[in-house]
N, C-alpha and C. Protein backbone atom coordinates (compact mmCIF):
# COMPACT_ATOMS: atom_id res chain seq x y z
N MET A 1 2.86 -112.11 -20.10
CA MET A 1 3.25 -111.33 -19.06
C MET A 1 3.47 -112.03 -17.87
N TYR A 2 4.26 -111.73 -17.08
CA TYR A 2 4.42 -112.39 -16.06
C TYR A 2 3.81 -112.09 -14.51
N LYS A 3 3.90 -112.49 -13.47
CA LYS A 3 3.36 -111.83 -12.68
C LYS A 3 4.56 -111.02 -12.28
N GLN A 4 5.48 -111.22 -12.07
CA GLN A 4 6.84 -109.95 -11.37
C GLN A 4 6.56 -109.30 -12.29
N ASP A 5 6.36 -109.21 -13.67
CA ASP A 5 6.40 -107.86 -14.73
C ASP A 5 5.23 -106.99 -14.37
N ILE A 6 4.02 -107.93 -13.79
CA ILE A 6 2.88 -107.18 -12.97
C ILE A 6 3.12 -106.09 -11.95
N LYS A 7 3.65 -106.90 -10.95
CA LYS A 7 4.22 -106.32 -10.02
C LYS A 7 5.00 -105.02 -10.21
N ILE A 8 5.96 -105.18 -11.44
CA ILE A 8 6.89 -104.11 -11.49
C ILE A 8 6.11 -102.98 -11.95
N ASN A 9 5.11 -103.06 -13.34
CA ASN A 9 4.35 -102.15 -13.67
C ASN A 9 3.55 -101.44 -12.72
N SER A 10 3.08 -102.47 -11.66
CA SER A 10 2.16 -101.20 -10.55
C SER A 10 3.00 -100.82 -9.47
N ASP A 11 4.32 -101.26 -9.49
CA ASP A 11 5.45 -100.59 -8.54
C ASP A 11 5.63 -98.73 -9.32
N LEU A 12 5.65 -98.98 -10.91
CA LEU A 12 5.47 -97.52 -11.17
C LEU A 12 4.60 -96.72 -11.25
N ILE A 13 3.77 -97.66 -11.38
CA ILE A 13 2.45 -96.78 -11.78
C ILE A 13 2.21 -96.21 -10.14
N TRP A 14 2.47 -97.25 -9.35
CA TRP A 14 1.93 -96.31 -7.61
C TRP A 14 2.99 -95.30 -7.65
N ASN A 15 4.02 -95.29 -8.09
CA ASN A 15 5.40 -94.19 -7.63
C ASN A 15 4.77 -92.86 -8.26
N LEU A 16 4.05 -93.07 -9.52
CA LEU A 16 3.72 -91.80 -10.47
C LEU A 16 2.52 -91.28 -9.82
N LEU A 17 1.53 -91.98 -9.22
CA LEU A 17 0.52 -91.55 -8.47
C LEU A 17 0.82 -91.14 -7.11
N SER A 18 2.03 -91.50 -6.41
CA SER A 18 2.56 -90.86 -5.03
C SER A 18 2.98 -89.51 -5.42
N ASP A 19 2.82 -88.82 -6.61
CA ASP A 19 3.34 -87.50 -6.93
C ASP A 19 2.51 -86.84 -7.07
N VAL A 20 1.17 -87.18 -7.74
CA VAL A 20 -0.02 -86.55 -8.34
C VAL A 20 -1.04 -86.94 -7.23
N ASN A 21 -2.15 -86.11 -7.25
CA ASN A 21 -3.54 -86.38 -7.12
C ASN A 21 -4.25 -87.71 -7.73
N ALA A 22 -4.33 -87.37 -9.19
CA ALA A 22 -5.10 -88.33 -9.69
C ALA A 22 -4.76 -88.08 -11.20
N LEU A 23 -4.87 -89.73 -11.63
CA LEU A 23 -4.66 -90.01 -13.34
C LEU A 23 -5.67 -90.58 -14.00
N SER A 24 -5.47 -90.04 -14.97
CA SER A 24 -6.51 -91.07 -15.81
C SER A 24 -5.62 -91.90 -16.77
N ILE A 25 -6.45 -93.15 -17.21
CA ILE A 25 -6.08 -94.19 -17.70
C ILE A 25 -5.12 -93.78 -18.67
N GLU A 26 -5.59 -92.86 -19.69
CA GLU A 26 -5.03 -92.21 -20.99
C GLU A 26 -3.57 -91.69 -20.47
N GLU A 27 -3.65 -90.60 -19.18
CA GLU A 27 -2.51 -90.09 -18.73
C GLU A 27 -1.57 -90.96 -18.20
N ILE A 28 -1.96 -91.90 -17.80
CA ILE A 28 -1.01 -93.46 -17.11
C ILE A 28 -0.33 -94.07 -18.55
N GLU A 29 -1.04 -94.23 -19.11
CA GLU A 29 -0.71 -94.75 -20.70
C GLU A 29 0.52 -93.84 -21.29
N GLU A 30 0.59 -92.52 -21.24
CA GLU A 30 1.06 -91.61 -21.58
C GLU A 30 2.88 -91.60 -20.98
N LEU A 31 2.27 -91.57 -19.87
CA LEU A 31 3.41 -91.46 -19.05
C LEU A 31 4.31 -92.65 -18.66
N THR A 32 3.68 -94.07 -18.83
CA THR A 32 4.29 -95.17 -18.78
C THR A 32 4.79 -95.82 -20.22
N GLY A 33 4.14 -95.35 -21.00
CA GLY A 33 4.19 -96.17 -22.36
C GLY A 33 3.72 -97.62 -22.79
N TYR A 34 2.84 -97.85 -21.12
CA TYR A 34 2.09 -99.21 -21.20
C TYR A 34 0.83 -99.78 -22.29
N ASN A 35 0.83 -100.50 -22.42
CA ASN A 35 -0.46 -100.58 -23.57
C ASN A 35 -1.66 -101.09 -22.24
N GLU A 36 -2.61 -100.57 -22.91
CA GLU A 36 -3.64 -100.06 -22.10
C GLU A 36 -3.89 -101.61 -20.88
N LYS A 37 -3.98 -102.70 -22.14
CA LYS A 37 -4.28 -104.12 -21.00
C LYS A 37 -3.30 -104.55 -19.88
N PHE A 38 -2.13 -104.06 -19.82
CA PHE A 38 -1.02 -104.17 -19.08
C PHE A 38 -1.56 -102.82 -18.13
N ILE A 39 -2.02 -101.60 -18.05
CA ILE A 39 -2.00 -101.01 -17.18
C ILE A 39 -3.48 -101.31 -16.31
N TYR A 40 -4.36 -101.81 -16.69
CA TYR A 40 -5.69 -103.01 -16.18
C TYR A 40 -4.90 -103.83 -14.97
N MET A 41 -3.95 -104.40 -15.74
CA MET A 41 -3.77 -105.79 -14.71
C MET A 41 -3.20 -105.05 -13.72
N ALA A 42 -2.14 -104.07 -14.00
CA ALA A 42 -1.30 -103.15 -13.03
C ALA A 42 -2.14 -102.92 -11.95
N LEU A 43 -3.17 -102.08 -12.42
CA LEU A 43 -4.12 -101.52 -11.47
C LEU A 43 -5.00 -102.51 -10.17
N GLY A 44 -5.48 -103.88 -11.29
CA GLY A 44 -6.13 -104.93 -10.27
C GLY A 44 -5.08 -105.02 -9.24
N TRP A 45 -3.62 -105.51 -9.33
CA TRP A 45 -3.08 -105.69 -8.46
C TRP A 45 -2.96 -104.98 -7.15
N LEU A 46 -2.92 -103.15 -7.67
CA LEU A 46 -2.68 -102.00 -6.56
C LEU A 46 -4.38 -102.16 -5.95
N LEU A 47 -5.33 -102.20 -6.52
CA LEU A 47 -6.51 -102.55 -5.82
C LEU A 47 -6.84 -103.45 -4.75
N LYS A 48 -6.43 -104.72 -5.56
CA LYS A 48 -6.00 -105.91 -4.17
C LYS A 48 -5.20 -105.08 -3.25
N GLU A 49 -4.24 -104.61 -3.60
CA GLU A 49 -3.26 -104.33 -2.22
C GLU A 49 -4.07 -103.31 -1.29
N ASN A 50 -5.09 -102.48 -1.61
CA ASN A 50 -5.87 -101.78 -1.37
C ASN A 50 -4.91 -100.35 -1.21
N LYS A 51 -4.43 -100.24 -2.50
CA LYS A 51 -3.46 -98.76 -2.48
C LYS A 51 -4.14 -97.49 -3.37
N ILE A 52 -5.28 -98.19 -4.05
CA ILE A 52 -5.94 -96.92 -4.71
C ILE A 52 -7.30 -97.28 -5.15
N LEU A 53 -7.86 -95.97 -5.46
CA LEU A 53 -9.26 -96.00 -5.55
C LEU A 53 -9.39 -95.45 -6.93
N LEU A 54 -10.64 -96.35 -7.59
CA LEU A 54 -10.95 -95.94 -9.02
C LEU A 54 -12.41 -94.80 -8.86
N THR A 55 -12.07 -93.74 -9.66
CA THR A 55 -13.21 -93.02 -9.81
C THR A 55 -13.61 -92.98 -11.05
N GLU A 56 -14.81 -92.35 -11.29
CA GLU A 56 -14.96 -91.79 -12.71
C GLU A 56 -15.52 -90.18 -12.86
N LYS A 57 -15.02 -89.49 -13.15
CA LYS A 57 -15.66 -88.05 -13.43
C LYS A 57 -15.93 -87.98 -15.00
N HIS A 58 -17.17 -87.73 -15.20
CA HIS A 58 -17.85 -87.44 -16.68
C HIS A 58 -17.22 -88.05 -17.62
N GLY A 59 -17.76 -89.42 -17.08
CA GLY A 59 -16.98 -90.58 -18.42
C GLY A 59 -15.64 -91.13 -18.46
N ILE A 60 -14.57 -90.49 -17.73
CA ILE A 60 -13.11 -90.53 -17.65
C ILE A 60 -12.84 -91.20 -16.44
N LEU A 61 -12.21 -92.70 -16.25
CA LEU A 61 -11.96 -93.29 -15.20
C LEU A 61 -10.36 -92.59 -14.63
N TYR A 62 -10.58 -92.37 -13.62
CA TYR A 62 -9.44 -91.71 -12.75
C TYR A 62 -8.82 -92.72 -11.70
N VAL A 63 -7.90 -92.74 -11.51
CA VAL A 63 -6.94 -93.20 -10.57
C VAL A 63 -6.45 -92.36 -9.55
N GLU A 64 -6.88 -92.70 -8.24
CA GLU A 64 -6.09 -92.07 -7.11
C GLU A 64 -5.37 -92.72 -5.97
N SER A 65 -4.51 -92.39 -5.58
CA SER A 65 -3.31 -93.45 -4.54
C SER A 65 -4.65 -93.01 -3.05
N LEU A 66 -4.76 -94.02 -2.43
CA LEU A 66 -5.12 -94.16 -1.07
C LEU A 66 -3.89 -94.36 0.16
N LYS A 67 -3.37 -93.00 0.16
CA LYS A 67 -2.48 -92.81 1.16
C LYS A 67 -2.78 -92.99 2.84
N SER A 68 -2.09 -94.10 3.62
CA SER A 68 -2.30 -93.97 4.64
C SER A 68 -1.94 -93.84 5.35
N ASP A 69 -2.00 -93.57 7.08
CA ASP A 69 -1.07 -92.77 7.81
C ASP A 69 -0.18 -93.72 8.24
N TYR A 70 -0.14 -94.94 7.94
CA TYR A 70 0.44 -95.98 8.45
C TYR A 70 1.49 -95.86 7.41
N SER A 71 2.90 -96.41 7.78
CA SER A 71 4.19 -96.47 6.83
C SER A 71 4.29 -98.32 6.80
N GLU A 72 4.97 -98.96 6.17
CA GLU A 72 4.81 -100.34 6.01
C GLU A 72 5.81 -100.79 7.14
N MET A 73 5.60 -101.72 8.35
CA MET A 73 6.05 -102.20 8.88
C MET A 73 6.26 -103.90 9.07
N TYR A 74 7.83 -103.95 9.38
CA TYR A 74 8.06 -105.12 8.98
C TYR A 74 8.95 -105.59 10.43
N PHE A 75 8.55 -106.61 10.75
CA PHE A 75 8.93 -107.56 12.00
C PHE A 75 9.77 -108.49 11.98
């Protein structure tokens, strides 16, 4: 898997998270059809960009989007 593929996967996961409050890894896997290891690579990308928060509830890992008050600005 290449860097661009990971970015594409992370974009799709980010779009899923923007529609809901939080998803478990299993839910992301069901919605995307991605292998779990590819999901974790995409989540690493999103964590680096400070776009998500990982939380654990009752032993299940959930991914939540971090919504900012600022939209991306380009100069």
